[in-house]
N, C-alpha and C. Protein backbone atom coordinates (compact mmCIF):
# COMPACT_ATOMS: atom_id res chain seq x y z
N MET A 1 125.08 200.10 -46.26
CA MET A 1 124.37 199.57 -47.53
C MET A 1 124.10 198.00 -47.48
N MET A 2 125.45 197.57 -46.88
CA MET A 2 125.55 195.79 -47.15
C MET A 2 124.32 195.33 -45.95
N LEU A 3 124.35 195.84 -45.06
CA LEU A 3 123.55 195.43 -43.80
C LEU A 3 121.95 195.72 -44.09
N SER A 4 121.61 196.71 -45.04
CA SER A 4 120.29 197.15 -44.92
C SER A 4 119.29 196.24 -45.48
N GLY A 5 119.67 195.09 -45.98
CA GLY A 5 118.66 194.12 -46.22
C GLY A 5 118.36 193.10 -45.17
N ALA A 6 119.03 193.18 -44.04
CA ALA A 6 118.70 192.44 -42.64
C ALA A 6 117.84 193.19 -41.92
N PRO A 7 116.59 192.82 -41.87
CA PRO A 7 115.54 193.45 -40.78
C PRO A 7 115.95 193.38 -39.55
N ASP A 8 116.58 192.34 -38.84
CA ASP A 8 116.97 192.58 -37.67
C ASP A 8 118.30 193.03 -37.13
N LEU A 9 119.14 193.75 -38.14
CA LEU A 9 119.98 194.60 -37.93
C LEU A 9 119.91 195.99 -37.92
N ARG A 10 120.31 197.01 -37.33
CA ARG A 10 120.28 198.21 -37.27
C ARG A 10 121.48 198.90 -37.15
N VAL A 11 122.00 199.46 -37.99
CA VAL A 11 123.27 200.43 -38.07
C VAL A 11 123.00 201.76 -37.00
N VAL A 12 123.45 201.91 -35.99
CA VAL A 12 123.30 202.99 -35.05
C VAL A 12 124.37 204.13 -35.23
N ALA A 13 125.54 203.92 -35.73
CA ALA A 13 126.32 204.77 -35.99
C ALA A 13 127.56 204.35 -36.86
N GLU A 14 128.43 205.38 -37.62
CA GLU A 14 129.48 205.05 -38.20
C GLU A 14 130.64 205.99 -38.00
N ALA A 15 131.87 205.16 -37.61
CA ALA A 15 133.01 206.08 -37.20
C ALA A 15 134.13 206.25 -38.15
N SER A 16 135.11 207.22 -38.17
CA SER A 16 136.01 207.20 -39.05
C SER A 16 137.42 206.61 -38.51
N ASP A 17 137.18 206.54 -36.95
CA ASP A 17 138.60 206.03 -36.62
C ASP A 17 138.28 205.52 -35.32
N GLY A 18 139.51 204.94 -34.45
CA GLY A 18 139.11 204.16 -33.46
C GLY A 18 138.53 205.00 -32.18
N ALA A 19 139.10 206.18 -31.97
CA ALA A 19 138.66 207.15 -30.99
C ALA A 19 136.97 207.52 -31.11
N GLU A 20 136.68 207.79 -32.38
CA GLU A 20 135.53 207.99 -32.47
C GLU A 20 134.52 206.65 -32.41
N ALA A 21 135.00 205.64 -32.75
CA ALA A 21 134.18 204.44 -32.67
C ALA A 21 133.83 204.24 -31.17
N VAL A 22 135.04 204.23 -30.35
CA VAL A 22 134.84 204.38 -28.68
C VAL A 22 133.79 205.14 -28.05
N GLU A 23 133.74 206.29 -28.72
CA GLU A 23 133.07 207.38 -28.10
C GLU A 23 131.50 207.36 -28.70
N LEU A 24 131.28 206.80 -29.96
CA LEU A 24 130.00 206.47 -30.45
C LEU A 24 129.31 205.12 -29.76
N ALA A 25 130.11 204.24 -29.40
CA ALA A 25 129.79 202.92 -28.71
C ALA A 25 129.29 203.38 -27.37
N ARG A 26 130.11 204.40 -26.59
CA ARG A 26 129.47 204.63 -25.29
C ARG A 26 128.25 205.33 -25.43
N ARG A 27 128.19 206.10 -26.52
CA ARG A 27 126.71 206.81 -26.57
C ARG A 27 125.66 206.10 -26.93
N HIS A 28 125.78 204.93 -27.93
CA HIS A 28 124.85 204.17 -28.53
C HIS A 28 124.58 202.73 -28.03
N ARG A 29 125.58 202.16 -27.03
CA ARG A 29 125.60 200.90 -26.49
C ARG A 29 125.19 199.85 -27.53
N PRO A 30 125.94 199.61 -28.62
CA PRO A 30 125.54 198.77 -29.69
C PRO A 30 125.82 197.43 -29.11
N ASP A 31 125.16 196.18 -29.50
CA ASP A 31 125.52 195.02 -29.16
C ASP A 31 126.84 194.40 -29.97
N VAL A 32 127.17 194.98 -31.16
CA VAL A 32 128.23 194.74 -32.01
C VAL A 32 128.89 195.76 -32.68
N VAL A 33 130.38 195.89 -32.63
CA VAL A 33 130.86 196.83 -33.45
C VAL A 33 131.89 195.93 -34.27
N LEU A 34 131.71 196.44 -35.63
CA LEU A 34 132.42 195.94 -36.86
C LEU A 34 133.72 196.97 -36.77
N MET A 35 134.84 196.47 -36.57
CA MET A 35 136.05 197.34 -36.44
C MET A 35 137.08 197.09 -37.42
N ASP A 36 137.62 197.83 -38.11
CA ASP A 36 138.65 197.95 -39.03
C ASP A 36 139.95 197.92 -38.08
N ILE A 37 141.07 197.25 -38.46
CA ILE A 37 142.36 197.37 -37.86
C ILE A 37 143.19 198.52 -38.34
N ARG A 38 143.49 198.91 -39.44
CA ARG A 38 144.02 200.08 -39.94
C ARG A 38 143.23 201.27 -39.98
N MET A 39 143.49 202.30 -39.24
CA MET A 39 142.70 203.61 -39.15
C MET A 39 143.73 204.86 -38.79
N PRO A 40 143.37 206.06 -39.17
CA PRO A 40 144.34 206.82 -38.79
C PRO A 40 143.90 207.42 -37.21
N GLY A 41 144.82 207.82 -36.42
CA GLY A 41 144.85 208.07 -35.14
C GLY A 41 144.65 206.99 -34.30
N THR A 42 143.84 206.60 -33.42
CA THR A 42 143.61 205.32 -32.60
C THR A 42 143.12 204.39 -33.45
N ASP A 43 144.25 203.30 -33.66
CA ASP A 43 143.79 202.21 -34.42
C ASP A 43 142.66 201.29 -33.76
N GLY A 44 142.46 200.37 -34.87
CA GLY A 44 141.20 199.43 -34.31
C GLY A 44 141.56 198.50 -33.23
N LEU A 45 143.01 198.22 -33.19
CA LEU A 45 143.32 197.22 -31.96
C LEU A 45 143.33 197.78 -30.71
N THR A 46 143.84 199.29 -30.65
CA THR A 46 143.47 200.02 -29.41
C THR A 46 142.21 200.07 -29.14
N ALA A 47 141.47 200.51 -30.03
CA ALA A 47 140.04 200.67 -29.81
C ALA A 47 139.25 199.57 -29.24
N THR A 48 139.61 198.47 -29.91
CA THR A 48 139.21 197.06 -29.26
C THR A 48 139.28 196.98 -27.84
N GLU A 49 140.67 197.01 -27.52
CA GLU A 49 141.00 196.96 -26.05
C GLU A 49 140.07 197.68 -25.04
N MET A 50 140.06 198.88 -25.70
CA MET A 50 139.28 200.03 -24.82
C MET A 50 137.78 199.41 -24.70
N LEU A 51 137.34 199.02 -25.63
CA LEU A 51 135.78 198.75 -25.80
C LEU A 51 135.56 197.26 -24.99
N ARG A 52 136.45 196.40 -25.04
CA ARG A 52 136.26 195.34 -24.08
C ARG A 52 136.56 195.34 -22.70
N SER A 53 137.44 196.46 -22.35
CA SER A 53 137.61 196.56 -21.03
C SER A 53 136.44 197.23 -20.49
N ARG A 54 135.41 197.67 -20.94
CA ARG A 54 134.24 198.39 -20.42
C ARG A 54 133.13 197.35 -20.02
N SER A 55 132.46 197.76 -19.15
CA SER A 55 131.01 196.91 -18.82
C SER A 55 129.83 197.73 -18.82
N PRO A 56 129.00 197.19 -19.65
CA PRO A 56 129.26 196.18 -20.37
C PRO A 56 129.74 196.43 -21.58
N ALA A 57 130.44 195.29 -22.10
CA ALA A 57 131.00 195.38 -23.40
C ALA A 57 130.57 195.05 -24.61
N PRO A 58 130.49 195.93 -25.93
CA PRO A 58 130.10 195.14 -26.96
C PRO A 58 131.11 194.17 -27.46
N GLN A 59 130.17 193.20 -28.37
CA GLN A 59 131.13 192.21 -28.93
C GLN A 59 131.90 193.12 -30.44
N VAL A 60 132.98 192.46 -30.27
CA VAL A 60 133.82 193.35 -31.60
C VAL A 60 134.14 192.26 -32.48
N MET A 61 133.66 192.72 -33.78
CA MET A 61 134.31 191.91 -34.92
C MET A 61 135.10 192.91 -35.66
N MET A 62 136.43 192.15 -35.83
CA MET A 62 137.42 192.71 -36.83
C MET A 62 137.37 192.49 -38.13
N LEU A 63 137.65 193.48 -39.10
CA LEU A 63 137.97 193.34 -40.36
C LEU A 63 139.36 193.51 -40.86
N THR A 64 139.89 192.67 -41.59
CA THR A 64 141.37 192.32 -41.74
C THR A 64 141.34 191.75 -42.92
N THR A 65 142.96 191.67 -43.27
CA THR A 65 143.20 190.60 -44.34
C THR A 65 144.01 189.38 -43.64
N PHE A 66 144.20 188.35 -44.56
CA PHE A 66 144.76 187.44 -43.75
C PHE A 66 146.31 187.50 -43.15
N ASP A 67 146.96 188.37 -44.27
CA ASP A 67 148.20 188.49 -43.50
C ASP A 67 148.62 189.44 -42.38
N ALA A 68 147.61 189.68 -41.76
CA ALA A 68 147.63 190.53 -40.64
C ALA A 68 147.34 189.76 -39.16
N ASP A 69 147.90 188.43 -39.35
CA ASP A 69 147.51 187.48 -38.22
C ASP A 69 148.04 187.89 -36.79
N ALA A 70 149.33 188.67 -36.68
CA ALA A 70 149.70 189.31 -35.38
C ALA A 70 148.84 190.25 -34.74
N HIS A 71 148.29 190.99 -35.81
CA HIS A 71 147.49 191.91 -35.25
C HIS A 71 145.86 191.34 -34.68
N VAL A 72 145.47 190.27 -35.53
CA VAL A 72 144.32 189.72 -35.24
C VAL A 72 144.53 188.83 -33.83
N LEU A 73 145.72 188.42 -33.80
CA LEU A 73 145.80 187.59 -32.37
C LEU A 73 145.72 188.50 -31.26
N ARG A 74 146.28 189.97 -31.52
CA ARG A 74 146.04 190.77 -30.27
C ARG A 74 144.74 191.11 -30.04
N ALA A 75 143.91 191.40 -31.07
CA ALA A 75 142.61 191.65 -30.68
C ALA A 75 141.57 190.71 -30.11
N LEU A 76 142.15 189.16 -30.66
CA LEU A 76 141.50 187.85 -30.11
C LEU A 76 141.91 187.86 -28.49
N ARG A 77 143.09 188.30 -28.20
CA ARG A 77 143.26 188.26 -26.79
C ARG A 77 142.74 189.27 -25.90
N ALA A 78 142.41 190.45 -26.56
CA ALA A 78 141.80 191.51 -25.84
C ALA A 78 140.14 191.02 -25.81
N GLY A 79 139.70 189.87 -26.42
CA GLY A 79 138.20 189.65 -26.38
C GLY A 79 137.22 189.79 -27.30
N ALA A 80 137.98 190.15 -28.42
CA ALA A 80 137.25 190.27 -29.94
C ALA A 80 136.58 189.01 -30.15
N ALA A 81 135.50 189.09 -30.69
CA ALA A 81 134.45 188.01 -31.13
C ALA A 81 135.02 187.30 -32.42
N GLY A 82 136.12 187.60 -33.07
CA GLY A 82 136.62 187.00 -34.23
C GLY A 82 136.89 188.10 -35.14
N TYR A 83 137.28 187.53 -36.52
CA TYR A 83 137.41 188.41 -37.59
C TYR A 83 136.83 188.17 -38.71
N LEU A 84 136.83 188.87 -39.83
CA LEU A 84 136.23 188.74 -41.08
C LEU A 84 137.30 189.21 -42.14
N LEU A 85 137.54 188.69 -43.19
CA LEU A 85 138.10 189.26 -44.48
C LEU A 85 137.20 190.32 -45.03
N LYS A 86 138.00 191.18 -45.36
CA LYS A 86 137.28 192.43 -46.24
C LYS A 86 136.53 192.23 -47.47
N ASP A 87 136.55 191.10 -48.01
CA ASP A 87 135.81 190.67 -49.23
C ASP A 87 134.82 189.59 -48.95
N THR A 88 134.53 189.42 -47.45
CA THR A 88 133.13 188.65 -47.07
C THR A 88 132.07 189.03 -47.56
N PRO A 89 131.37 188.19 -48.49
CA PRO A 89 130.04 188.42 -48.98
C PRO A 89 129.14 189.02 -47.78
N PRO A 90 128.05 189.82 -48.57
CA PRO A 90 127.20 190.48 -47.40
C PRO A 90 126.38 189.54 -46.74
N ASP A 91 125.95 188.37 -47.10
CA ASP A 91 125.18 187.42 -46.34
C ASP A 91 125.99 186.81 -45.23
N GLU A 92 127.43 186.45 -45.69
CA GLU A 92 127.92 185.88 -44.59
C GLU A 92 128.21 186.57 -43.61
N LEU A 93 128.35 188.16 -43.91
CA LEU A 93 128.72 189.33 -42.85
C LEU A 93 127.52 189.38 -42.01
N VAL A 94 126.32 189.15 -42.66
CA VAL A 94 125.12 189.31 -41.69
C VAL A 94 125.15 188.14 -40.63
N VAL A 95 125.53 187.01 -41.02
CA VAL A 95 125.43 185.90 -40.23
C VAL A 95 126.58 185.83 -39.14
N ALA A 96 127.60 186.62 -39.47
CA ALA A 96 128.55 186.67 -38.68
C ALA A 96 128.32 187.68 -37.57
N ILE A 97 127.63 188.73 -37.92
CA ILE A 97 127.41 189.81 -36.91
C ILE A 97 126.30 189.09 -36.06
N ARG A 98 125.05 188.35 -36.59
CA ARG A 98 124.40 187.58 -35.68
C ARG A 98 124.98 186.84 -34.68
N HIS A 99 125.80 186.01 -35.10
CA HIS A 99 126.63 185.08 -34.17
C HIS A 99 127.26 185.84 -33.10
N ALA A 100 127.95 186.87 -33.54
CA ALA A 100 128.70 187.83 -32.40
C ALA A 100 127.90 188.20 -31.71
N ALA A 101 126.63 188.70 -32.13
CA ALA A 101 125.60 189.36 -31.08
C ALA A 101 125.06 188.28 -30.15
N GLN A 102 125.35 187.02 -30.34
CA GLN A 102 125.07 185.77 -29.32
C GLN A 102 126.19 185.29 -28.62
N GLY A 103 127.21 186.17 -28.86
CA GLY A 103 128.59 185.52 -27.99
C GLY A 103 129.37 184.42 -28.71
N ARG A 104 129.00 184.15 -29.91
CA ARG A 104 129.66 183.02 -30.58
C ARG A 104 130.74 183.57 -31.54
N PRO A 105 131.85 182.97 -31.20
CA PRO A 105 133.16 183.43 -31.90
C PRO A 105 133.07 183.17 -33.43
N VAL A 106 133.21 184.15 -34.24
CA VAL A 106 133.24 184.03 -35.80
C VAL A 106 134.44 183.83 -36.36
N LEU A 107 135.00 182.27 -36.23
CA LEU A 107 136.14 181.97 -36.90
C LEU A 107 135.85 180.46 -36.99
N SER A 108 136.05 180.01 -38.18
CA SER A 108 136.03 178.57 -38.57
C SER A 108 137.23 177.84 -38.00
N PRO A 109 136.97 176.52 -37.81
CA PRO A 109 138.11 175.75 -37.05
C PRO A 109 139.45 175.72 -37.92
N GLU A 110 139.30 175.87 -39.31
CA GLU A 110 140.41 175.79 -40.27
C GLU A 110 141.00 177.23 -39.93
N VAL A 111 140.27 178.35 -39.96
CA VAL A 111 140.86 179.63 -39.70
C VAL A 111 141.71 179.63 -38.41
N THR A 112 141.14 179.18 -37.30
CA THR A 112 141.59 178.84 -36.13
C THR A 112 142.80 178.34 -35.88
N ARG A 113 142.90 177.25 -36.82
CA ARG A 113 144.19 176.29 -36.60
C ARG A 113 145.35 177.00 -37.55
N ARG A 114 144.87 177.83 -38.52
CA ARG A 114 145.87 178.43 -39.18
C ARG A 114 146.41 179.72 -38.71
N LEU A 115 145.54 180.55 -37.76
CA LEU A 115 146.06 181.28 -36.89
C LEU A 115 147.13 181.05 -35.90
N ILE A 116 146.71 180.05 -35.24
CA ILE A 116 147.43 179.53 -34.06
C ILE A 116 148.83 178.92 -34.71
N ALA A 117 148.70 178.44 -35.86
CA ALA A 117 150.09 177.77 -36.36
C ALA A 117 151.00 178.90 -36.83
N ARG A 118 150.55 180.19 -37.07
CA ARG A 118 151.42 181.27 -37.47
C ARG A 118 151.86 181.95 -36.39
N VAL A 119 151.39 181.50 -34.97
CA VAL A 119 151.95 182.77 -33.92
C VAL A 119 153.53 182.47 -34.07
N ALA A 120 154.15 183.53 -33.72
CA ALA A 120 155.70 183.67 -33.76
C ALA A 120 156.05 184.65 -32.92
N GLU A 121 155.46 185.06 -31.60
CA GLU A 121 155.72 186.13 -30.89
C GLU A 121 156.95 185.85 -30.06
N SER A 122 157.53 186.83 -29.56
CA SER A 122 158.39 186.97 -28.51
C SER A 122 157.88 186.45 -27.32
N GLY A 123 158.71 186.00 -26.25
CA GLY A 123 158.38 185.76 -25.02
C GLY A 123 157.31 184.42 -24.93
N GLN A 124 157.47 183.39 -25.65
CA GLN A 124 156.84 182.13 -25.87
C GLN A 124 156.98 181.52 -24.50
N ASP A 125 158.22 181.52 -24.13
CA ASP A 125 158.63 180.67 -22.71
C ASP A 125 157.87 180.87 -21.54
N SER A 126 157.94 182.44 -21.26
CA SER A 126 157.22 182.86 -20.24
C SER A 126 155.55 182.83 -20.22
N ARG A 127 155.12 183.05 -21.58
CA ARG A 127 153.53 183.12 -21.73
C ARG A 127 153.27 181.47 -21.64
N GLY A 128 154.11 180.78 -22.00
CA GLY A 128 153.57 179.29 -21.96
C GLY A 128 153.64 178.98 -20.79
N ALA A 129 154.62 179.37 -19.64
CA ALA A 129 154.52 178.86 -18.03
C ALA A 129 153.30 179.42 -17.51
N ALA A 130 153.00 180.66 -18.00
CA ALA A 130 151.85 181.43 -17.47
C ALA A 130 150.40 180.71 -18.05
N ALA A 131 150.52 180.22 -19.01
CA ALA A 131 149.11 179.33 -19.55
C ALA A 131 149.25 178.25 -19.07
N ARG A 132 150.14 177.52 -18.55
CA ARG A 132 150.11 176.16 -18.04
C ARG A 132 149.57 176.30 -16.42
N ARG A 133 149.92 177.32 -15.88
CA ARG A 133 149.62 177.61 -14.57
C ARG A 133 147.90 177.88 -14.56
N ARG A 134 147.65 178.69 -15.70
CA ARG A 134 146.19 178.82 -15.51
C ARG A 134 145.21 177.54 -15.82
N LEU A 135 145.76 176.89 -16.80
CA LEU A 135 145.21 175.66 -17.10
C LEU A 135 145.01 174.76 -15.87
N ASP A 136 145.91 174.88 -15.05
CA ASP A 136 145.94 174.02 -13.77
C ASP A 136 144.80 173.86 -12.89
N VAL A 137 143.70 175.05 -13.25
CA VAL A 137 142.51 175.02 -12.49
C VAL A 137 141.58 174.10 -12.71
N LEU A 138 141.78 173.70 -14.19
CA LEU A 138 140.77 172.80 -14.70
C LEU A 138 140.93 171.38 -14.28
N SER A 139 139.98 170.51 -14.01
CA SER A 139 139.92 169.19 -14.04
C SER A 139 140.50 168.30 -14.99
N GLU A 140 141.10 167.24 -15.02
CA GLU A 140 141.49 166.24 -16.05
C GLU A 140 140.64 166.39 -17.11
N ARG A 141 139.22 165.97 -17.11
CA ARG A 141 138.22 166.01 -18.26
C ARG A 141 138.20 167.29 -19.05
N GLU A 142 138.14 168.40 -17.99
CA GLU A 142 137.87 169.82 -18.51
C GLU A 142 139.40 170.21 -19.35
N ARG A 143 140.54 169.79 -18.98
CA ARG A 143 141.88 169.76 -19.64
C ARG A 143 141.66 169.14 -21.24
N VAL A 144 141.03 167.92 -21.14
CA VAL A 144 141.00 167.29 -22.28
C VAL A 144 139.96 168.06 -23.38
N ILE A 145 138.93 168.50 -22.61
CA ILE A 145 138.01 169.25 -23.71
C ILE A 145 138.59 170.55 -24.17
N ALA A 146 139.35 171.16 -23.27
CA ALA A 146 139.95 172.54 -23.77
C ALA A 146 141.07 172.28 -24.84
N VAL A 147 141.86 171.31 -24.56
CA VAL A 147 142.72 170.95 -25.75
C VAL A 147 142.00 170.66 -27.14
N GLU A 148 140.67 169.87 -26.72
CA GLU A 148 140.03 169.64 -28.21
C GLU A 148 139.47 170.95 -28.77
N ILE A 149 139.03 171.93 -27.82
CA ILE A 149 138.77 173.39 -28.41
C ILE A 149 139.79 173.96 -29.07
N GLY A 150 141.10 173.76 -28.41
CA GLY A 150 142.22 174.34 -29.09
C GLY A 150 142.46 173.77 -30.38
N ALA A 151 141.92 172.61 -30.68
CA ALA A 151 142.19 171.97 -32.26
C ALA A 151 141.26 172.51 -33.10
N GLY A 152 140.24 173.40 -32.42
CA GLY A 152 139.21 174.07 -33.45
C GLY A 152 138.13 173.11 -33.74
N ARG A 153 137.85 172.00 -32.78
CA ARG A 153 136.81 171.21 -32.94
C ARG A 153 135.50 171.62 -32.31
N SER A 154 134.36 171.45 -32.69
CA SER A 154 133.00 171.73 -32.35
C SER A 154 132.44 171.11 -31.20
N ASN A 155 131.57 171.25 -30.63
CA ASN A 155 131.10 170.22 -29.34
C ASN A 155 130.49 168.87 -29.91
N ALA A 156 130.13 168.99 -31.03
CA ALA A 156 129.64 167.46 -31.63
C ALA A 156 130.87 166.77 -31.94
N GLU A 157 131.84 167.23 -32.63
CA GLU A 157 132.94 166.46 -32.92
C GLU A 157 133.75 166.24 -31.50
N ILE A 158 133.73 166.92 -30.45
CA ILE A 158 134.24 166.61 -29.22
C ILE A 158 133.57 165.36 -28.60
N ALA A 159 132.43 165.52 -28.68
CA ALA A 159 131.60 164.54 -27.94
C ALA A 159 131.90 163.33 -28.61
N ALA A 160 131.79 163.04 -29.87
CA ALA A 160 132.22 162.06 -30.75
C ALA A 160 133.59 161.35 -30.40
N ARG A 161 134.57 162.17 -30.30
CA ARG A 161 135.94 161.71 -30.12
C ARG A 161 136.22 161.44 -28.69
N GLN A 162 135.52 161.97 -27.71
CA GLN A 162 135.57 161.68 -26.22
C GLN A 162 134.56 160.77 -25.85
N HIS A 163 133.43 160.23 -26.72
CA HIS A 163 132.58 159.32 -26.26
C HIS A 163 131.69 159.83 -24.96
N LEU A 164 131.47 161.20 -25.31
CA LEU A 164 130.55 161.91 -24.33
C LEU A 164 129.34 162.47 -24.94
N GLY A 165 128.30 162.73 -23.98
CA GLY A 165 127.06 163.24 -24.56
C GLY A 165 127.36 164.67 -24.85
N LEU A 166 126.50 165.30 -26.13
CA LEU A 166 126.73 166.57 -26.17
C LEU A 166 126.28 167.57 -25.26
N THR A 167 125.52 167.30 -24.30
CA THR A 167 125.23 168.19 -23.15
C THR A 167 126.22 168.53 -22.18
N THR A 168 127.02 167.18 -21.94
CA THR A 168 128.00 167.15 -21.13
C THR A 168 129.23 168.10 -21.70
N VAL A 169 129.59 167.95 -22.80
CA VAL A 169 130.62 168.73 -23.49
C VAL A 169 130.23 170.08 -23.57
N LYS A 170 129.02 170.63 -23.73
CA LYS A 170 128.67 171.90 -23.70
C LYS A 170 128.58 172.43 -22.35
N SER A 171 128.47 171.60 -20.91
CA SER A 171 128.50 171.99 -19.59
C SER A 171 130.02 172.09 -19.31
N HIS A 172 130.97 171.27 -19.84
CA HIS A 172 132.53 171.40 -19.69
C HIS A 172 132.94 172.53 -20.24
N ALA A 173 132.50 172.78 -21.76
CA ALA A 173 133.16 174.00 -22.25
C ALA A 173 132.78 175.31 -21.55
N SER A 174 131.54 175.34 -20.88
CA SER A 174 130.98 176.64 -20.14
C SER A 174 131.74 176.71 -18.93
N ALA A 175 132.15 175.62 -18.23
CA ALA A 175 132.90 175.42 -16.96
C ALA A 175 134.26 175.96 -17.30
N ILE A 176 134.81 175.41 -18.56
CA ILE A 176 136.32 176.02 -18.82
C ILE A 176 136.12 177.55 -18.97
N LEU A 177 135.24 178.16 -19.86
CA LEU A 177 135.26 179.41 -19.79
C LEU A 177 135.04 180.37 -18.42
N ALA A 178 134.23 179.77 -17.47
CA ALA A 178 134.06 180.43 -16.16
C ALA A 178 135.36 180.10 -15.64
N LYS A 179 136.05 179.26 -15.40
CA LYS A 179 137.41 178.71 -14.52
C LYS A 179 138.16 179.72 -15.03
N LEU A 180 138.50 179.85 -16.43
CA LEU A 180 139.52 180.41 -16.94
C LEU A 180 139.24 181.96 -17.07
N ASP A 181 138.09 182.59 -16.80
CA ASP A 181 137.75 183.97 -16.98
C ASP A 181 138.01 184.39 -18.29
N LEU A 182 137.34 183.61 -19.47
CA LEU A 182 137.58 183.89 -20.69
C LEU A 182 136.11 184.03 -21.41
N ASN A 183 136.17 184.74 -22.62
CA ASN A 183 134.90 185.23 -22.94
C ASN A 183 134.39 184.26 -24.15
N ASN A 184 135.45 183.70 -24.87
CA ASN A 184 135.00 182.55 -25.99
C ASN A 184 136.07 181.70 -26.10
N ARG A 185 135.61 180.68 -27.35
CA ARG A 185 136.43 179.46 -27.40
C ARG A 185 137.66 180.01 -28.21
N VAL A 186 137.78 181.04 -28.82
CA VAL A 186 138.98 181.34 -29.35
C VAL A 186 139.92 181.63 -28.59
N GLN A 187 139.72 182.14 -27.47
CA GLN A 187 140.70 182.63 -26.27
C GLN A 187 141.19 181.30 -25.80
N VAL A 188 140.35 180.31 -25.38
CA VAL A 188 140.72 179.03 -24.93
C VAL A 188 141.61 178.46 -25.83
N ALA A 189 141.66 178.65 -27.12
CA ALA A 189 142.48 178.00 -28.31
C ALA A 189 143.64 178.44 -28.14
N LEU A 190 143.92 179.72 -27.95
CA LEU A 190 145.15 180.64 -27.76
C LEU A 190 145.92 180.07 -26.38
N LEU A 191 145.05 179.99 -25.60
CA LEU A 191 145.73 179.53 -23.90
C LEU A 191 146.23 178.20 -24.29
N VAL A 192 145.48 177.31 -24.92
CA VAL A 192 146.07 175.98 -25.21
C VAL A 192 147.34 176.01 -25.95
N HIS A 193 147.41 176.77 -27.11
CA HIS A 193 148.48 176.90 -27.81
C HIS A 193 149.63 177.59 -26.92
N ASP A 194 149.31 178.50 -26.19
CA ASP A 194 150.32 178.97 -25.35
C ASP A 194 151.15 178.19 -24.50
N ALA A 195 150.21 177.19 -23.93
CA ALA A 195 150.53 176.14 -23.05
C ALA A 195 151.53 175.09 -23.61
N GLY A 196 151.38 174.91 -25.10
CA GLY A 196 152.16 174.01 -25.59
C GLY A 196 151.01 172.67 -25.90
N LEU A 197 149.82 172.83 -25.88
CA LEU A 197 149.18 171.51 -25.55
C LEU A 197 148.21 171.50 -26.99
N ASP A 198 148.88 171.49 -27.95
CA ASP A 198 147.94 171.72 -29.37
C ASP A 198 147.32 170.50 -29.83
N GLN A 199 147.72 169.41 -29.28
CA GLN A 199 147.29 167.95 -29.55
C GLN A 199 146.70 167.08 -28.33
N PRO A 200 145.71 166.61 -28.35
CA PRO A 200 145.29 165.89 -27.13
C PRO A 200 146.09 164.79 -26.72
N ASP A 201 147.18 164.34 -27.55
CA ASP A 201 148.25 163.33 -27.01
C ASP A 201 149.43 163.90 -26.33
N ARG A 202 149.38 165.42 -26.26
CA ARG A 202 150.25 166.05 -25.57
C ARG A 202 149.93 166.55 -24.20
N LEU A 203 149.14 165.87 -23.51
CA LEU A 203 148.61 166.36 -22.24
C LEU A 203 149.42 166.11 -21.19
N GLY A 204 150.55 165.20 -21.31
CA GLY A 204 151.31 165.25 -20.12
C GLY A 204 151.92 166.44 -19.52
């Protein structure tokens, strides 16, 4: 009902749990899956991991409340396009789905920073070392851009801060995603956080 007023969106199926969502996605091949986290049987996190491991994989948008950060982070690491609060107004939901369909992560810079700031998982040391090894494939300039992305800044903001052209920043951002084999900027931000490089002045 919330999406019926958007002429460019079509709901192809509705599922009652994660397992049914995976099966319906296989059958209908939607561009975007709007996934709840808490469901009976197969939960939304497991379903998201299953969906994102397929090729071609649909973009997955999570529905959650903000106090479920740890669950959201698991979904983002699996390649989810972002998350929305369950009280998101219908017009904002439509815009978010459109962005997800275009491969654009649906997380505002502020929400990205708040999520990263609340990470308190075990195994930080080993994960940090692994993240730093992954980032070693980047050039010095790409590393700087990656840290700026990790701070939740847009391409325009990065261009202004680093005195670069917008096209140059976009090229670097694309190269970073390709070299790190990541789906979106949120995953870059999480990797930068894991490596302990949350601020540009901590690049050493």
